[in-house]
Amino acid sequence: MKRFAIALLFSIVAIGCSKKGGLSSEDAGYVNTTLDLMRTRANVKPGMDSAVVKSMLDTVYRRHHTSRAEYLAQTSALGDDPKHAEAVYNAIKDSVGIK
């Protein structure tokens, strides 16, 4: 699961160029969901039952009023606009303290 989060972040960074301006409320929701998923995945222990992990992740999606499919579709859509993708990635980086 940690690999998925890392792959997600790298895919976003690989897409982007810079964009000025703030994020929309939809983008802010995506960033918050991503951060919550990262925190949840960081708490997954080796050997943890996959049903428990899935339940933990599903709880995050419900908390953010989305589904895994919607989240992945939004992630894929970032590839359509590299500048937008970088702005979203930068917001995630800023939130976790990556320089």
N, C-alpha and C. Protein backbone atom coordinates (compact mmCIF):
# COMPACT_ATOMS: atom_id res chain seq x y z
N MET A 1 0.81 -1.19 0.00
CA MET A 1 0.00 0.00 0.00
C MET A 1 0.86 1.27 0.00
N LYS A 2 1.99 1.21 0.71
CA LYS A 2 2.87 2.38 0.72
C LYS A 2 3.41 2.62 -0.68
N ARG A 3 3.63 1.52 -1.42
CA ARG A 3 4.13 1.67 -2.79
C ARG A 3 3.12 2.43 -3.65
N PHE A 4 1.83 2.19 -3.42
CA PHE A 4 0.81 2.89 -4.19
C PHE A 4 0.88 4.40 -3.95
N ALA A 5 1.03 4.79 -2.68
CA ALA A 5 1.10 6.21 -2.35
C ALA A 5 2.33 6.85 -2.97
N ILE A 6 3.45 6.15 -2.91
CA ILE A 6 4.69 6.67 -3.50
C ILE A 6 4.56 6.75 -5.01
N ALA A 7 3.98 5.71 -5.63
CA ALA A 7 3.79 5.73 -7.08
C ALA A 7 2.86 6.86 -7.49
N LEU A 8 1.83 7.08 -6.69
CA LEU A 8 0.89 8.17 -6.97
C LEU A 8 1.62 9.51 -6.97
N LEU A 9 2.41 9.75 -5.95
CA LEU A 9 3.14 11.01 -5.85
C LEU A 9 4.13 11.17 -7.00
N PHE A 10 4.84 10.12 -7.33
CA PHE A 10 5.80 10.21 -8.43
C PHE A 10 5.09 10.42 -9.76
N SER A 11 3.92 9.78 -9.94
CA SER A 11 3.21 9.99 -11.20
C SER A 11 2.72 11.43 -11.33
N ILE A 12 2.31 12.01 -10.22
CA ILE A 12 1.87 13.41 -10.27
C ILE A 12 3.05 14.32 -10.60
N VAL A 13 4.19 14.08 -9.97
CA VAL A 13 5.35 14.93 -10.22
C VAL A 13 5.87 14.76 -11.65
N ALA A 14 5.78 13.57 -12.18
CA ALA A 14 6.28 13.32 -13.53
C ALA A 14 5.45 14.03 -14.57
N ILE A 15 4.23 14.35 -14.24
CA ILE A 15 3.30 14.99 -15.18
C ILE A 15 3.57 16.48 -15.32
N GLY A 16 3.98 17.13 -14.24
CA GLY A 16 3.77 18.55 -14.11
C GLY A 16 4.79 19.55 -14.60
N CYS A 17 4.27 20.72 -14.79
CA CYS A 17 4.98 21.98 -14.94
C CYS A 17 4.31 22.94 -13.96
N SER A 18 4.88 24.10 -13.74
CA SER A 18 4.33 24.92 -12.66
C SER A 18 3.06 25.66 -13.07
N LYS A 19 2.23 25.96 -12.07
CA LYS A 19 0.99 26.72 -12.27
C LYS A 19 0.86 27.72 -11.14
N LYS A 20 0.51 28.93 -11.48
CA LYS A 20 0.30 29.96 -10.47
C LYS A 20 -1.16 29.92 -10.03
N GLY A 21 -1.41 30.40 -8.84
CA GLY A 21 -2.78 30.48 -8.37
C GLY A 21 -3.10 29.38 -7.38
N GLY A 22 -4.29 29.50 -6.79
CA GLY A 22 -4.71 28.56 -5.77
C GLY A 22 -5.41 27.36 -6.36
N LEU A 23 -5.80 26.47 -5.46
CA LEU A 23 -6.51 25.27 -5.85
C LEU A 23 -8.00 25.46 -5.67
N SER A 24 -8.76 24.75 -6.48
CA SER A 24 -10.22 24.78 -6.33
C SER A 24 -10.59 23.96 -5.10
N SER A 25 -11.84 24.05 -4.69
CA SER A 25 -12.29 23.27 -3.54
C SER A 25 -12.22 21.78 -3.85
N GLU A 26 -12.44 21.41 -5.10
CA GLU A 26 -12.32 20.00 -5.51
C GLU A 26 -10.87 19.54 -5.38
N ASP A 27 -9.93 20.40 -5.80
CA ASP A 27 -8.51 20.07 -5.66
C ASP A 27 -8.10 19.96 -4.20
N ALA A 28 -8.59 20.86 -3.38
CA ALA A 28 -8.28 20.82 -1.94
C ALA A 28 -8.82 19.54 -1.33
N GLY A 29 -9.99 19.12 -1.76
CA GLY A 29 -10.54 17.85 -1.29
C GLY A 29 -9.68 16.68 -1.70
N TYR A 30 -9.18 16.73 -2.94
CA TYR A 30 -8.29 15.67 -3.43
C TYR A 30 -7.01 15.63 -2.60
N VAL A 31 -6.44 16.79 -2.33
CA VAL A 31 -5.21 16.86 -1.52
C VAL A 31 -5.48 16.30 -0.13
N ASN A 32 -6.59 16.68 0.49
CA ASN A 32 -6.91 16.19 1.82
C ASN A 32 -7.12 14.68 1.83
N THR A 33 -7.80 14.17 0.80
CA THR A 33 -8.00 12.72 0.70
C THR A 33 -6.66 12.02 0.54
N THR A 34 -5.80 12.55 -0.30
CA THR A 34 -4.47 11.96 -0.52
C THR A 34 -3.68 11.91 0.77
N LEU A 35 -3.68 13.01 1.51
CA LEU A 35 -2.94 13.05 2.78
C LEU A 35 -3.50 12.04 3.78
N ASP A 36 -4.82 11.94 3.83
CA ASP A 36 -5.45 10.99 4.75
C ASP A 36 -5.12 9.55 4.34
N LEU A 37 -5.12 9.28 3.04
CA LEU A 37 -4.74 7.95 2.56
C LEU A 37 -3.28 7.64 2.89
N MET A 38 -2.42 8.63 2.75
CA MET A 38 -1.00 8.43 3.07
C MET A 38 -0.83 8.12 4.56
N ARG A 39 -1.54 8.85 5.41
CA ARG A 39 -1.46 8.60 6.86
C ARG A 39 -1.97 7.21 7.19
N THR A 40 -3.06 6.83 6.55
CA THR A 40 -3.63 5.51 6.80
C THR A 40 -2.69 4.41 6.35
N ARG A 41 -2.12 4.56 5.16
CA ARG A 41 -1.20 3.56 4.65
C ARG A 41 0.06 3.46 5.51
N ALA A 42 0.47 4.57 6.09
CA ALA A 42 1.65 4.56 6.96
C ALA A 42 1.39 3.73 8.22
N ASN A 43 0.12 3.56 8.58
CA ASN A 43 -0.23 2.78 9.76
C ASN A 43 -0.46 1.30 9.46
N VAL A 44 -0.35 0.92 8.19
CA VAL A 44 -0.52 -0.48 7.82
C VAL A 44 0.74 -1.24 8.22
N LYS A 45 0.54 -2.28 8.99
CA LYS A 45 1.66 -3.09 9.47
C LYS A 45 1.90 -4.25 8.50
N PRO A 46 3.16 -4.67 8.35
CA PRO A 46 3.44 -5.85 7.52
C PRO A 46 2.65 -7.05 8.02
N GLY A 47 2.07 -7.77 7.10
CA GLY A 47 1.30 -8.94 7.46
C GLY A 47 -0.13 -8.66 7.89
N MET A 48 -0.53 -7.38 7.86
CA MET A 48 -1.90 -7.03 8.25
C MET A 48 -2.86 -7.64 7.23
N ASP A 49 -3.96 -8.14 7.73
CA ASP A 49 -4.98 -8.76 6.88
C ASP A 49 -5.45 -7.76 5.82
N SER A 50 -5.51 -8.21 4.57
CA SER A 50 -5.90 -7.31 3.48
C SER A 50 -7.32 -6.79 3.63
N ALA A 51 -8.19 -7.57 4.24
CA ALA A 51 -9.56 -7.10 4.46
C ALA A 51 -9.58 -5.93 5.45
N VAL A 52 -8.69 -5.97 6.44
CA VAL A 52 -8.59 -4.88 7.41
C VAL A 52 -8.05 -3.62 6.72
N VAL A 53 -7.04 -3.81 5.88
CA VAL A 53 -6.46 -2.68 5.15
C VAL A 53 -7.51 -2.06 4.23
N LYS A 54 -8.23 -2.90 3.51
CA LYS A 54 -9.28 -2.39 2.62
C LYS A 54 -10.33 -1.61 3.41
N SER A 55 -10.70 -2.13 4.56
CA SER A 55 -11.67 -1.44 5.40
C SER A 55 -11.14 -0.09 5.87
N MET A 56 -9.87 -0.04 6.24
CA MET A 56 -9.26 1.23 6.66
C MET A 56 -9.30 2.25 5.53
N LEU A 57 -8.95 1.81 4.32
CA LEU A 57 -8.94 2.72 3.17
C LEU A 57 -10.35 3.13 2.78
N ASP A 58 -11.29 2.19 2.84
CA ASP A 58 -12.68 2.52 2.53
C ASP A 58 -13.23 3.56 3.51
N THR A 59 -12.80 3.48 4.74
CA THR A 59 -13.21 4.47 5.75
C THR A 59 -12.73 5.86 5.35
N VAL A 60 -11.51 5.94 4.85
CA VAL A 60 -10.97 7.24 4.39
C VAL A 60 -11.81 7.76 3.24
N TYR A 61 -12.10 6.91 2.25
CA TYR A 61 -12.90 7.36 1.11
C TYR A 61 -14.27 7.85 1.58
N ARG A 62 -14.91 7.11 2.49
CA ARG A 62 -16.22 7.55 2.99
C ARG A 62 -16.12 8.88 3.74
N ARG A 63 -15.08 9.03 4.53
CA ARG A 63 -14.89 10.27 5.29
C ARG A 63 -14.80 11.47 4.35
N HIS A 64 -14.25 11.25 3.16
CA HIS A 64 -14.08 12.33 2.19
C HIS A 64 -15.16 12.33 1.12
N HIS A 65 -16.21 11.55 1.36
CA HIS A 65 -17.38 11.51 0.46
C HIS A 65 -16.98 11.19 -0.98
N THR A 66 -16.14 10.17 -1.13
CA THR A 66 -15.72 9.72 -2.45
C THR A 66 -15.60 8.21 -2.42
N SER A 67 -15.20 7.64 -3.54
CA SER A 67 -14.95 6.21 -3.63
C SER A 67 -13.55 6.02 -4.20
N ARG A 68 -13.06 4.80 -4.10
CA ARG A 68 -11.74 4.51 -4.66
C ARG A 68 -11.74 4.80 -6.17
N ALA A 69 -12.80 4.39 -6.86
CA ALA A 69 -12.90 4.61 -8.30
C ALA A 69 -12.89 6.11 -8.65
N GLU A 70 -13.63 6.90 -7.89
CA GLU A 70 -13.66 8.35 -8.14
C GLU A 70 -12.30 8.97 -7.88
N TYR A 71 -11.66 8.53 -6.80
CA TYR A 71 -10.33 9.05 -6.46
C TYR A 71 -9.32 8.72 -7.57
N LEU A 72 -9.34 7.47 -8.05
CA LEU A 72 -8.42 7.07 -9.12
C LEU A 72 -8.71 7.81 -10.42
N ALA A 73 -9.99 8.06 -10.70
CA ALA A 73 -10.36 8.83 -11.89
C ALA A 73 -9.83 10.25 -11.79
N GLN A 74 -9.94 10.83 -10.61
CA GLN A 74 -9.42 12.19 -10.41
C GLN A 74 -7.89 12.21 -10.55
N THR A 75 -7.25 11.17 -10.06
CA THR A 75 -5.79 11.05 -10.19
C THR A 75 -5.41 10.97 -11.66
N SER A 76 -6.11 10.16 -12.42
CA SER A 76 -5.84 10.03 -13.85
C SER A 76 -6.08 11.33 -14.59
N ALA A 77 -7.11 12.05 -14.19
CA ALA A 77 -7.45 13.32 -14.85
C ALA A 77 -6.36 14.36 -14.68
N LEU A 78 -5.55 14.23 -13.65
CA LEU A 78 -4.45 15.19 -13.47
C LEU A 78 -3.49 15.16 -14.65
N GLY A 79 -3.41 14.01 -15.32
CA GLY A 79 -2.54 13.89 -16.47
C GLY A 79 -2.95 14.74 -17.66
N ASP A 80 -4.18 15.22 -17.63
CA ASP A 80 -4.67 16.04 -18.75
C ASP A 80 -4.12 17.46 -18.72
N ASP A 81 -3.66 17.91 -17.57
CA ASP A 81 -3.17 19.28 -17.43
C ASP A 81 -1.93 19.29 -16.53
N PRO A 82 -0.75 19.22 -17.12
CA PRO A 82 0.48 19.13 -16.33
C PRO A 82 0.67 20.28 -15.33
N LYS A 83 0.27 21.48 -15.70
CA LYS A 83 0.42 22.62 -14.78
C LYS A 83 -0.48 22.44 -13.56
N HIS A 84 -1.67 21.99 -13.81
CA HIS A 84 -2.61 21.73 -12.72
C HIS A 84 -2.07 20.59 -11.83
N ALA A 85 -1.55 19.55 -12.45
CA ALA A 85 -1.00 18.42 -11.69
C ALA A 85 0.13 18.88 -10.77
N GLU A 86 0.98 19.76 -11.26
CA GLU A 86 2.08 20.23 -10.42
C GLU A 86 1.57 21.06 -9.25
N ALA A 87 0.55 21.87 -9.50
CA ALA A 87 -0.02 22.67 -8.41
C ALA A 87 -0.58 21.76 -7.31
N VAL A 88 -1.26 20.70 -7.73
CA VAL A 88 -1.81 19.75 -6.76
C VAL A 88 -0.68 19.04 -6.03
N TYR A 89 0.32 18.56 -6.78
CA TYR A 89 1.46 17.88 -6.16
C TYR A 89 2.18 18.79 -5.18
N ASN A 90 2.36 20.05 -5.55
CA ASN A 90 3.02 21.00 -4.65
C ASN A 90 2.22 21.20 -3.36
N ALA A 91 0.91 21.21 -3.47
CA ALA A 91 0.08 21.34 -2.27
C ALA A 91 0.26 20.11 -1.37
N ILE A 92 0.39 18.95 -1.96
CA ILE A 92 0.63 17.73 -1.17
C ILE A 92 2.01 17.81 -0.54
N LYS A 93 3.02 18.20 -1.32
CA LYS A 93 4.37 18.34 -0.78
C LYS A 93 4.41 19.32 0.37
N ASP A 94 3.78 20.46 0.19
CA ASP A 94 3.76 21.48 1.25
C ASP A 94 3.11 20.95 2.51
N SER A 95 2.08 20.16 2.34
CA SER A 95 1.36 19.64 3.49
C SER A 95 2.15 18.61 4.29
N VAL A 96 3.06 17.90 3.62
CA VAL A 96 3.88 16.90 4.33
C VAL A 96 5.27 17.43 4.64
N GLY A 97 5.53 18.68 4.26
CA GLY A 97 6.80 19.29 4.61
C GLY A 97 7.97 18.93 3.72
N ILE A 98 7.68 18.50 2.49
CA ILE A 98 8.75 18.19 1.53
C ILE A 98 9.14 19.49 0.83
N LYS A 99 10.43 19.75 0.75
CA LYS A 99 10.90 20.98 0.10
C LYS A 99 11.28 20.72 -1.33
